[in-house]
Amino acid sequence: MFKIKSYFQETYHEMVHNVTWPTWQELQNNTILVVVASILISLTIFAMDFLFGISGEEDAMWKGLIGFIYGIF
């Protein structure tokens, strides 16, 4: 039981005294960066799927991922 208590005390000490936490401004900037990157990557994947999934036939085998998902439902 002593080892468990010691572990939590050392973990608390490490988190409070040794970890460098980001400032609120850094946290906001990084969050915006992640959101923008996620949107850009998702739009790129959607565009690639849309372009390569297009075919002239209605009953084509490959309609892209979106066409496949809509076909299930």
N, C-alpha and C. Protein backbone atom coordinates (compact mmCIF):
# COMPACT_ATOMS: atom_id res chain seq x y z
N MET A 1 0.82 -1.19 0.00
CA MET A 1 0.00 0.00 0.00
C MET A 1 0.87 1.26 0.00
N PHE A 2 2.03 1.17 0.62
CA PHE A 2 2.94 2.30 0.66
C PHE A 2 3.41 2.68 -0.75
N LYS A 3 3.64 1.67 -1.60
CA LYS A 3 4.12 1.93 -2.96
C LYS A 3 3.07 2.69 -3.78
N ILE A 4 1.82 2.34 -3.58
CA ILE A 4 0.74 3.02 -4.31
C ILE A 4 0.65 4.48 -3.87
N LYS A 5 0.70 4.70 -2.55
CA LYS A 5 0.64 6.06 -2.03
C LYS A 5 1.83 6.87 -2.52
N SER A 6 3.01 6.26 -2.50
CA SER A 6 4.22 6.93 -2.96
C SER A 6 4.13 7.27 -4.44
N TYR A 7 3.57 6.35 -5.22
CA TYR A 7 3.42 6.59 -6.65
C TYR A 7 2.56 7.83 -6.90
N PHE A 8 1.42 7.94 -6.22
CA PHE A 8 0.53 9.08 -6.43
C PHE A 8 1.16 10.38 -5.94
N GLN A 9 1.91 10.32 -4.86
CA GLN A 9 2.59 11.53 -4.37
C GLN A 9 3.64 11.99 -5.36
N GLU A 10 4.41 11.06 -5.88
CA GLU A 10 5.45 11.41 -6.86
C GLU A 10 4.83 11.92 -8.16
N THR A 11 3.73 11.31 -8.56
CA THR A 11 3.04 11.76 -9.78
C THR A 11 2.52 13.17 -9.60
N TYR A 12 1.91 13.46 -8.47
CA TYR A 12 1.40 14.80 -8.19
C TYR A 12 2.55 15.81 -8.20
N HIS A 13 3.65 15.47 -7.54
CA HIS A 13 4.80 16.37 -7.48
C HIS A 13 5.34 16.64 -8.89
N GLU A 14 5.43 15.61 -9.69
CA GLU A 14 5.91 15.76 -11.07
C GLU A 14 5.00 16.67 -11.88
N MET A 15 3.69 16.46 -11.77
CA MET A 15 2.74 17.23 -12.56
C MET A 15 2.69 18.70 -12.12
N VAL A 16 2.87 18.96 -10.84
CA VAL A 16 2.76 20.33 -10.33
C VAL A 16 4.07 21.10 -10.50
N HIS A 17 5.19 20.45 -10.25
CA HIS A 17 6.45 21.18 -10.17
C HIS A 17 7.36 21.02 -11.39
N ASN A 18 7.26 19.93 -12.13
CA ASN A 18 8.22 19.68 -13.20
C ASN A 18 7.65 19.80 -14.61
N VAL A 19 6.35 19.69 -14.75
CA VAL A 19 5.74 19.77 -16.07
C VAL A 19 5.55 21.23 -16.45
N THR A 20 5.90 21.56 -17.70
CA THR A 20 5.68 22.91 -18.20
C THR A 20 4.35 22.92 -18.94
N TRP A 21 3.37 23.57 -18.35
CA TRP A 21 2.04 23.63 -18.94
C TRP A 21 1.97 24.79 -19.90
N PRO A 22 1.23 24.64 -21.00
CA PRO A 22 1.11 25.76 -21.95
C PRO A 22 0.26 26.88 -21.37
N THR A 23 0.54 28.07 -21.85
CA THR A 23 -0.29 29.20 -21.44
C THR A 23 -1.63 29.12 -22.16
N TRP A 24 -2.58 29.93 -21.71
CA TRP A 24 -3.91 29.93 -22.32
C TRP A 24 -3.82 30.33 -23.80
N GLN A 25 -2.97 31.30 -24.11
CA GLN A 25 -2.80 31.76 -25.49
C GLN A 25 -2.20 30.65 -26.36
N GLU A 26 -1.21 29.95 -25.86
CA GLU A 26 -0.61 28.83 -26.60
C GLU A 26 -1.63 27.73 -26.84
N LEU A 27 -2.43 27.45 -25.84
CA LEU A 27 -3.46 26.42 -25.96
C LEU A 27 -4.50 26.79 -27.02
N GLN A 28 -4.92 28.04 -27.04
CA GLN A 28 -5.87 28.50 -28.05
C GLN A 28 -5.27 28.43 -29.46
N ASN A 29 -4.03 28.86 -29.60
CA ASN A 29 -3.38 28.83 -30.91
C ASN A 29 -3.23 27.39 -31.42
N ASN A 30 -2.83 26.50 -30.55
CA ASN A 30 -2.67 25.10 -30.95
C ASN A 30 -4.00 24.46 -31.29
N THR A 31 -5.05 24.83 -30.57
CA THR A 31 -6.38 24.29 -30.86
C THR A 31 -6.86 24.75 -32.23
N ILE A 32 -6.66 26.02 -32.54
CA ILE A 32 -7.05 26.55 -33.85
C ILE A 32 -6.26 25.84 -34.95
N LEU A 33 -4.98 25.64 -34.73
CA LEU A 33 -4.14 24.94 -35.70
C LEU A 33 -4.64 23.53 -35.97
N VAL A 34 -5.01 22.81 -34.93
CA VAL A 34 -5.50 21.44 -35.09
C VAL A 34 -6.85 21.43 -35.82
N VAL A 35 -7.74 22.36 -35.50
CA VAL A 35 -9.04 22.42 -36.15
C VAL A 35 -8.88 22.73 -37.64
N VAL A 36 -8.04 23.70 -37.97
CA VAL A 36 -7.83 24.07 -39.37
C VAL A 36 -7.19 22.91 -40.13
N ALA A 37 -6.19 22.28 -39.56
CA ALA A 37 -5.54 21.14 -40.22
C ALA A 37 -6.52 20.00 -40.41
N SER A 38 -7.37 19.73 -39.44
CA SER A 38 -8.36 18.66 -39.57
C SER A 38 -9.35 18.95 -40.69
N ILE A 39 -9.78 20.20 -40.78
CA ILE A 39 -10.72 20.57 -41.85
C ILE A 39 -10.05 20.43 -43.21
N LEU A 40 -8.82 20.91 -43.34
CA LEU A 40 -8.12 20.81 -44.62
C LEU A 40 -7.89 19.36 -45.04
N ILE A 41 -7.49 18.53 -44.11
CA ILE A 41 -7.25 17.13 -44.43
C ILE A 41 -8.55 16.43 -44.81
N SER A 42 -9.63 16.72 -44.08
CA SER A 42 -10.91 16.08 -44.40
C SER A 42 -11.43 16.55 -45.75
N LEU A 43 -11.26 17.82 -46.09
CA LEU A 43 -11.68 18.31 -47.41
C LEU A 43 -10.85 17.69 -48.53
N THR A 44 -9.55 17.51 -48.29
CA THR A 44 -8.69 16.87 -49.28
C THR A 44 -9.12 15.42 -49.52
N ILE A 45 -9.38 14.70 -48.45
CA ILE A 45 -9.81 13.31 -48.59
C ILE A 45 -11.16 13.24 -49.29
N PHE A 46 -12.09 14.14 -48.95
CA PHE A 46 -13.39 14.17 -49.60
C PHE A 46 -13.25 14.45 -51.09
N ALA A 47 -12.41 15.44 -51.43
CA ALA A 47 -12.23 15.79 -52.84
C ALA A 47 -11.62 14.62 -53.63
N MET A 48 -10.62 13.96 -53.05
CA MET A 48 -10.02 12.81 -53.73
C MET A 48 -11.04 11.70 -53.90
N ASP A 49 -11.83 11.44 -52.89
CA ASP A 49 -12.84 10.38 -52.98
C ASP A 49 -13.90 10.74 -54.01
N PHE A 50 -14.29 12.00 -54.03
CA PHE A 50 -15.31 12.43 -54.98
C PHE A 50 -14.79 12.33 -56.41
N LEU A 51 -13.56 12.80 -56.63
CA LEU A 51 -13.01 12.78 -57.99
C LEU A 51 -12.76 11.37 -58.50
N PHE A 52 -12.19 10.53 -57.68
CA PHE A 52 -11.87 9.18 -58.13
C PHE A 52 -13.07 8.25 -58.06
N GLY A 53 -14.12 8.65 -57.39
CA GLY A 53 -15.31 7.82 -57.28
C GLY A 53 -16.36 8.11 -58.33
N ILE A 54 -16.13 9.14 -59.14
CA ILE A 54 -17.11 9.51 -60.17
C ILE A 54 -17.02 8.53 -61.33
N SER A 55 -18.15 8.08 -61.77
CA SER A 55 -18.23 7.31 -63.01
C SER A 55 -19.50 7.71 -63.73
N GLY A 56 -19.55 7.49 -65.02
CA GLY A 56 -20.70 7.91 -65.80
C GLY A 56 -21.91 7.02 -65.62
N GLU A 57 -21.72 5.83 -65.09
CA GLU A 57 -22.82 4.89 -64.97
C GLU A 57 -23.43 4.94 -63.58
N GLU A 58 -24.73 4.82 -63.53
CA GLU A 58 -25.44 4.87 -62.24
C GLU A 58 -25.16 3.63 -61.40
N ASP A 59 -25.04 2.47 -62.04
CA ASP A 59 -24.83 1.23 -61.29
C ASP A 59 -23.36 0.79 -61.30
N ALA A 60 -22.46 1.76 -61.34
CA ALA A 60 -21.03 1.44 -61.38
C ALA A 60 -20.61 0.76 -60.07
N MET A 61 -19.56 -0.04 -60.16
CA MET A 61 -19.10 -0.77 -58.98
C MET A 61 -18.51 0.18 -57.93
N TRP A 62 -17.75 1.16 -58.36
CA TRP A 62 -17.10 2.06 -57.42
C TRP A 62 -17.70 3.45 -57.55
N LYS A 63 -18.35 3.92 -56.51
CA LYS A 63 -18.95 5.25 -56.49
C LYS A 63 -18.26 6.14 -55.46
N GLY A 64 -17.15 5.70 -54.95
CA GLY A 64 -16.49 6.44 -53.90
C GLY A 64 -17.01 6.01 -52.55
N LEU A 65 -16.35 6.41 -51.51
CA LEU A 65 -16.72 6.02 -50.16
C LEU A 65 -18.09 6.55 -49.79
N ILE A 66 -18.38 7.79 -50.17
CA ILE A 66 -19.68 8.37 -49.84
C ILE A 66 -20.80 7.60 -50.53
N GLY A 67 -20.59 7.25 -51.81
CA GLY A 67 -21.59 6.46 -52.53
C GLY A 67 -21.79 5.11 -51.91
N PHE A 68 -20.71 4.50 -51.41
CA PHE A 68 -20.80 3.21 -50.75
C PHE A 68 -21.62 3.31 -49.46
N ILE A 69 -21.34 4.35 -48.69
CA ILE A 69 -22.05 4.54 -47.41
C ILE A 69 -23.53 4.81 -47.68
N TYR A 70 -23.84 5.66 -48.68
CA TYR A 70 -25.24 5.92 -49.00
C TYR A 70 -25.93 4.68 -49.53
N GLY A 71 -25.19 3.81 -50.21
CA GLY A 71 -25.76 2.59 -50.74
C GLY A 71 -26.16 1.61 -49.65
N ILE A 72 -25.49 1.67 -48.51
CA ILE A 72 -25.80 0.78 -47.39
C ILE A 72 -27.14 1.18 -46.77
N PHE A 73 -27.37 2.46 -46.63
CA PHE A 73 -28.58 2.94 -45.97
C PHE A 73 -29.58 3.24 -47.01
